[in-house]
C-alpha cells in the first residue's frame, strides 16, 4: 500500500529499508523522504516503521538462519 503519496513510498519500501538496517525514523526520512512534505502520512509511516522494526530478526537469529542454509560439500576424489 502507498503510505506517502507525496514521495510515492509504500509499506514495502519502508520494510526494505528496515531490513537493510535503517535504525531510526529520522534515518528513514533521510532515505525515503517519507513524511517530509505535507505530513499527512506521518502517523501511518511511523506505525509501519515500528511494525517492521518489531518484526526484524535479531542478529543472532539472522546468523542462525544463515548457518542452517550451509550445505556441506562431500570431499571429492581426484581421478588418478
Protein backbone atom coordinates (compact mmCIF):
# COMPACT_ATOMS: atom_id res chain seq x y z
CA UNK A 1 0.00 0.00 0.00
CA UNK A 2 1.16 3.54 -0.62
CA UNK A 3 1.99 5.22 2.67
CA UNK A 4 3.32 8.56 1.40
CA UNK A 5 1.60 9.89 -1.70
CA UNK A 6 3.87 12.94 -1.98
CA UNK A 7 7.01 10.81 -2.37
CA UNK A 8 5.35 7.58 -3.53
CA UNK A 9 6.63 5.48 -0.64
CA UNK A 10 4.99 2.13 0.03
CA UNK A 11 4.91 -0.06 3.10
CA UNK A 12 7.24 -2.43 1.23
CA UNK A 13 9.75 0.39 0.70
CA UNK A 14 9.75 1.06 4.44
CA UNK A 15 10.09 -2.64 5.26
CA UNK A 16 13.00 -2.97 2.82
CA UNK A 17 14.83 -0.05 4.44
CA UNK A 18 14.38 -1.64 7.87
CA UNK A 19 15.70 -5.00 6.58
CA UNK A 20 18.73 -3.15 5.21
CA UNK A 21 19.49 -1.73 8.65
CA UNK A 22 17.59 1.54 8.92
CA UNK A 23 17.78 2.27 12.63
CA UNK A 24 15.51 5.25 13.21
CA UNK A 25 12.50 7.00 11.76
CA UNK A 26 14.66 10.06 11.10
CA UNK A 27 17.07 7.92 9.08
CA UNK A 28 14.09 6.55 7.15
CA UNK A 29 13.01 10.11 6.39
CA UNK A 30 16.51 10.94 5.14
CA UNK A 31 16.48 7.90 2.84
CA UNK A 32 12.91 7.92 1.51
CA UNK A 33 11.71 11.46 2.36
CA UNK A 34 8.57 9.89 3.85
CA UNK A 35 6.50 12.32 5.98
CA UNK A 36 8.62 15.30 4.93
CA UNK A 37 6.21 17.13 2.60
CA UNK A 38 2.57 17.56 3.65
CA UNK A 39 2.92 15.37 6.77
CA UNK A 40 -0.44 13.60 6.42
CA UNK A 41 1.28 10.20 6.30
CA UNK A 42 3.44 10.72 9.40
CA UNK A 43 1.37 8.51 11.74
CA UNK A 44 0.95 5.69 9.21
CA UNK A 45 4.62 5.87 8.20
CA UNK A 46 5.78 5.75 11.82
CA UNK A 47 3.43 2.83 12.59
CA UNK A 48 4.65 0.94 9.52
CA UNK A 49 8.25 1.59 10.53
CA UNK A 50 7.62 0.44 14.11
CA UNK A 51 5.93 -2.79 12.98
CA UNK A 52 8.75 -3.52 10.53
CA UNK A 53 11.35 -2.94 13.26
CA UNK A 54 9.48 -5.23 15.66
CA UNK A 55 9.36 -7.99 13.03
CA UNK A 56 13.02 -7.67 12.04
CA UNK A 57 15.07 -10.67 13.17
CA UNK A 58 17.86 -10.09 15.66
CA UNK A 59 21.48 -10.50 14.58
CA UNK A 60 21.64 -13.88 16.36
CA UNK A 61 18.53 -15.10 14.53
CA UNK A 62 20.00 -13.99 11.21
CA UNK A 63 23.27 -15.83 11.90
CA UNK A 64 21.39 -18.98 12.94
CA UNK A 65 19.26 -18.81 9.81
CA UNK A 66 22.30 -18.39 7.58
CA UNK A 67 24.13 -21.25 9.31
CA UNK A 68 21.15 -23.53 8.70
CA UNK A 69 21.42 -22.84 4.97
CA UNK A 70 25.02 -24.02 4.67
CA UNK A 71 25.19 -27.21 2.65
CA UNK A 72 28.17 -29.39 3.48
CA UNK A 73 30.17 -30.48 0.46
CA UNK A 74 31.48 -34.01 0.44
CA UNK A 75 35.17 -34.32 -0.36
CA UNK A 76 35.80 -35.22 -3.97
CA UNK A 77 38.22 -37.83 -5.13
CA UNK A 78 40.75 -36.86 -7.67
CA UNK A 79 40.99 -39.15 -10.69
CA UNK A 80 44.30 -40.92 -10.82
